[in-house]
Amino acid sequence: MDKNFISLFDYLGKPAGPELGKRVSEYAISKKTPYSIRPISNPKYQGNVMLYPREFLDEFFRLEIEPDLDEILYKEENINN
C-alpha cells in the first residue's frame, strides 16, 4: 500500500464519523480518486476504513472549510463516546 494513502482518523487525529466519511467518499467518487481499504479492529471500531491520498484530503478540507465542520466532528465524537 502506498504510504501516501491515509485514513480520515489519521488525517484528522480523531474519528471522523459516518457523516463526514460519507461526504469525503462522495467527493472521492466524483473526482474518480483512487482509494484503498484497511481492516480495523479495536475496542471502539471494527470494520474497514477507507484510505485516500493525502493530497486528495488536503484538497477536500481546503474546499470543505465550513463553519459547521467542527460542529459535525463534535457531534460525531459525542455519539461515538
C-alpha atoms as a PDB file:
ATOM      1  CA  MET A   1       0.000   0.000   0.000  1.00  0.00           C
ATOM      2  CA  ASP A   2       1.247   3.475  -0.850  1.00  0.00           C
ATOM      3  CA  LYS A   3       2.386   5.310   2.264  1.00  0.00           C
ATOM      4  CA  ASN A   4       0.714   8.465   0.947  1.00  0.00           C
ATOM      5  CA  PHE A   5      -2.726   6.881   1.462  1.00  0.00           C
ATOM      6  CA  ILE A   6      -4.181   7.804   4.832  1.00  0.00           C
ATOM      7  CA  SER A   7      -7.407   7.316   6.761  1.00  0.00           C
ATOM      8  CA  LEU A   8      -9.592  10.179   7.938  1.00  0.00           C
ATOM      9  CA  PHE A   9      -8.756   9.227  11.525  1.00  0.00           C
ATOM     10  CA  ASP A  10      -5.025   9.518  10.851  1.00  0.00           C
ATOM     11  CA  TYR A  11      -5.509  12.748   8.894  1.00  0.00           C
ATOM     12  CA  LEU A  12      -7.717  14.452  11.493  1.00  0.00           C
ATOM     13  CA  GLY A  13      -6.243  12.862  14.611  1.00  0.00           C
ATOM     14  CA  LYS A  14      -9.711  11.801  15.789  1.00  0.00           C
ATOM     15  CA  PRO A  15     -12.698   9.793  14.499  1.00  0.00           C
ATOM     16  CA  ALA A  16     -14.386  11.481  11.546  1.00  0.00           C
ATOM     17  CA  GLY A  17     -17.739   9.748  11.979  1.00  0.00           C
ATOM     18  CA  PRO A  18     -20.127   8.493   9.318  1.00  0.00           C
ATOM     19  CA  GLU A  19     -21.469  11.862   8.122  1.00  0.00           C
ATOM     20  CA  LEU A  20     -18.081  13.327   7.277  1.00  0.00           C
ATOM     21  CA  GLY A  21     -16.874   9.945   5.982  1.00  0.00           C
ATOM     22  CA  LYS A  22     -19.805   9.867   3.568  1.00  0.00           C
ATOM     23  CA  ARG A  23     -19.069  13.398   2.330  1.00  0.00           C
ATOM     24  CA  VAL A  24     -15.414  12.521   1.708  1.00  0.00           C
ATOM     25  CA  SER A  25     -16.389   9.273  -0.053  1.00  0.00           C
ATOM     26  CA  GLU A  26     -18.904  11.042  -2.316  1.00  0.00           C
ATOM     27  CA  TYR A  27     -16.331  13.686  -3.221  1.00  0.00           C
ATOM     28  CA  ALA A  28     -13.726  10.970  -3.948  1.00  0.00           C
ATOM     29  CA  ILE A  29     -16.182   9.193  -6.252  1.00  0.00           C
ATOM     30  CA  SER A  30     -16.997  12.435  -8.073  1.00  0.00           C
ATOM     31  CA  LYS A  31     -13.264  13.084  -8.592  1.00  0.00           C
ATOM     32  CA  LYS A  32     -12.537   9.428  -9.506  1.00  0.00           C
ATOM     33  CA  THR A  33      -9.912   9.414  -6.750  1.00  0.00           C
ATOM     34  CA  PRO A  34      -8.111   6.125  -6.127  1.00  0.00           C
ATOM     35  CA  TYR A  35      -8.550   4.655  -2.662  1.00  0.00           C
ATOM     36  CA  SER A  36      -7.561   1.691  -0.580  1.00  0.00           C
ATOM     37  CA  ILE A  37      -9.240  -0.178   2.275  1.00  0.00           C
ATOM     38  CA  ARG A  38      -7.736  -1.182   5.618  1.00  0.00           C
ATOM     39  CA  PRO A  39      -9.424  -3.544   8.073  1.00  0.00           C
ATOM     40  CA  ILE A  40      -9.552  -2.165  11.637  1.00  0.00           C
ATOM     41  CA  SER A  41     -10.314  -3.985  14.862  1.00  0.00           C
ATOM     42  CA  ASN A  42     -10.128  -2.192  18.191  1.00  0.00           C
ATOM     43  CA  PRO A  43     -12.461  -1.711  21.194  1.00  0.00           C
ATOM     44  CA  LYS A  44     -14.200   1.289  19.577  1.00  0.00           C
ATOM     45  CA  TYR A  45     -14.486   0.183  15.938  1.00  0.00           C
ATOM     46  CA  GLN A  46     -14.377  -2.990  13.901  1.00  0.00           C
ATOM     47  CA  GLY A  47     -14.651  -2.919  10.136  1.00  0.00           C
ATOM     48  CA  ASN A  48     -12.991  -1.423   7.104  1.00  0.00           C
ATOM     49  CA  VAL A  49     -11.791   2.141   6.744  1.00  0.00           C
ATOM     50  CA  MET A  50     -11.184   3.966   3.521  1.00  0.00           C
ATOM     51  CA  LEU A  51      -7.717   5.319   2.775  1.00  0.00           C
ATOM     52  CA  TYR A  52      -7.254   8.265   0.444  1.00  0.00           C
ATOM     53  CA  PRO A  53      -4.230  10.055  -0.989  1.00  0.00           C
ATOM     54  CA  ARG A  54      -3.070  12.762   1.428  1.00  0.00           C
ATOM     55  CA  GLU A  55      -3.201  15.315  -1.407  1.00  0.00           C
ATOM     56  CA  PHE A  56      -6.870  14.474  -2.003  1.00  0.00           C
ATOM     57  CA  LEU A  57      -7.715  15.004   1.691  1.00  0.00           C
ATOM     58  CA  ASP A  58      -5.768  18.283   1.657  1.00  0.00           C
ATOM     59  CA  GLU A  59      -7.891  19.387  -1.304  1.00  0.00           C
ATOM     60  CA  PHE A  60     -11.158  18.209   0.253  1.00  0.00           C
ATOM     61  CA  PHE A  61     -10.586  20.039   3.528  1.00  0.00           C
ATOM     62  CA  ARG A  62      -9.322  23.156   1.773  1.00  0.00           C
ATOM     63  CA  LEU A  63     -12.590  23.270  -0.212  1.00  0.00           C
ATOM     64  CA  GLU A  64     -14.805  21.965   2.598  1.00  0.00           C
ATOM     65  CA  ILE A  65     -13.889  24.530   5.237  1.00  0.00           C
ATOM     66  CA  GLU A  66     -17.304  25.323   6.643  1.00  0.00           C
ATOM     67  CA  PRO A  67     -18.390  26.817   9.939  1.00  0.00           C
ATOM     68  CA  ASP A  68     -20.232  23.595  10.735  1.00  0.00           C
ATOM     69  CA  LEU A  69     -17.287  21.218  10.149  1.00  0.00           C
ATOM     70  CA  ASP A  70     -16.167  21.417  13.776  1.00  0.00           C
ATOM     71  CA  GLU A  71     -19.801  21.015  14.843  1.00  0.00           C
ATOM     72  CA  ILE A  72     -20.122  17.827  12.760  1.00  0.00           C
ATOM     73  CA  LEU A  73     -16.930  16.413  14.261  1.00  0.00           C
ATOM     74  CA  TYR A  74     -18.106  17.357  17.767  1.00  0.00           C
ATOM     75  CA  LYS A  75     -21.479  15.645  17.271  1.00  0.00           C
ATOM     76  CA  GLU A  76     -19.873  12.508  15.858  1.00  0.00           C
ATOM     77  CA  GLU A  77     -17.362  12.437  18.711  1.00  0.00           C
ATOM     78  CA  ASN A  78     -20.156  12.613  21.282  1.00  0.00           C
ATOM     79  CA  ILE A  79     -22.202   9.943  19.515  1.00  0.00           C
ATOM     80  CA  ASN A  80     -19.192   7.608  19.421  1.00  0.00           C
ATOM     81  CA  ASN A  81     -18.398   8.033  23.138  1.00  0.00           C
END
